[in-house]
Amino acid sequence: MENGPAVFAGSVFALFGAGLLVWTAARLRHREPVADGMSPAVSATVASFAGTAALLLAVWCFTRI
């Protein structure tokens, strides 16, 4: 019964985290701002942390299956 929600949540976290990390890397590679109105270093750090945290949550969800 718990497998369905764990798979769904893990998939959502994995897609969001991977997408955020890829988007952040693409913005940095083109030397474009990651977030408007913020320091480039701070915005890249926060976005990278959020993407990594989402991937870790995905791994945690998948271990609960």
Protein backbone atom coordinates (compact mmCIF):
# COMPACT_ATOMS: atom_id res chain seq x y z
CA MET A 1 0.00 0.00 0.00
CA GLU A 2 2.87 2.39 0.74
CA ASN A 3 4.76 1.62 -2.47
CA GLY A 4 2.61 3.78 -4.75
CA PRO A 5 3.06 7.07 -2.89
CA ALA A 6 6.77 6.40 -2.33
CA VAL A 7 7.37 5.78 -6.02
CA PHE A 8 5.38 8.85 -7.02
CA ALA A 9 7.10 11.14 -4.50
CA GLY A 10 10.54 9.75 -5.35
CA SER A 11 9.93 10.28 -9.05
CA VAL A 12 8.78 13.85 -8.53
CA PHE A 13 11.76 14.69 -6.32
CA ALA A 14 14.17 13.04 -8.77
CA LEU A 15 12.78 14.89 -11.79
CA PHE A 16 12.70 18.23 -9.98
CA GLY A 17 16.20 17.86 -8.54
CA ALA A 18 17.77 16.72 -11.79
CA GLY A 19 15.98 19.41 -13.76
CA LEU A 20 17.05 22.13 -11.35
CA LEU A 21 20.69 21.02 -11.42
CA VAL A 22 20.75 20.81 -15.23
CA TRP A 23 19.09 24.23 -15.56
CA THR A 24 21.51 25.78 -13.07
CA ALA A 25 24.52 24.30 -14.88
CA ALA A 26 23.22 25.56 -18.24
CA ARG A 27 22.71 29.08 -16.88
CA LEU A 28 26.19 29.11 -15.35
CA ARG A 29 27.79 27.76 -18.53
CA HIS A 30 26.27 30.64 -20.54
CA ARG A 31 27.25 33.12 -17.80
CA GLU A 32 23.63 34.15 -17.30
CA PRO A 33 22.07 34.87 -13.91
CA VAL A 34 20.43 31.97 -12.12
CA ALA A 35 18.01 34.28 -10.25
CA ASP A 36 17.27 37.92 -11.01
CA GLY A 37 18.25 40.45 -8.37
CA MET A 38 20.63 38.15 -6.48
CA SER A 39 24.36 37.65 -6.42
CA PRO A 40 25.34 35.03 -9.02
CA ALA A 41 27.34 33.03 -6.49
CA VAL A 42 24.56 33.01 -3.90
CA SER A 43 21.83 32.10 -6.37
CA ALA A 44 23.91 29.29 -7.89
CA THR A 45 24.72 27.94 -4.43
CA VAL A 46 21.11 28.00 -3.27
CA ALA A 47 19.84 26.39 -6.50
CA SER A 48 22.52 23.69 -6.33
CA PHE A 49 21.71 22.98 -2.69
CA ALA A 50 17.98 22.72 -3.46
CA GLY A 51 18.59 20.38 -6.41
CA THR A 52 20.88 18.16 -4.37
CA ALA A 53 18.43 18.09 -1.47
CA ALA A 54 15.63 17.03 -3.83
CA LEU A 55 17.77 14.21 -5.22
CA LEU A 56 18.60 13.05 -1.69
CA LEU A 57 14.89 13.05 -0.85
CA ALA A 58 14.25 10.98 -3.97
CA VAL A 59 16.83 8.43 -2.87
CA TRP A 60 15.28 8.33 0.58
CA CYS A 61 11.81 7.78 -0.90
CA PHE A 62 13.07 4.97 -3.12
CA THR A 63 14.71 3.22 -0.17
CA ARG A 64 11.28 3.09 1.53
CA ILE A 65 9.85 0.84 -1.19
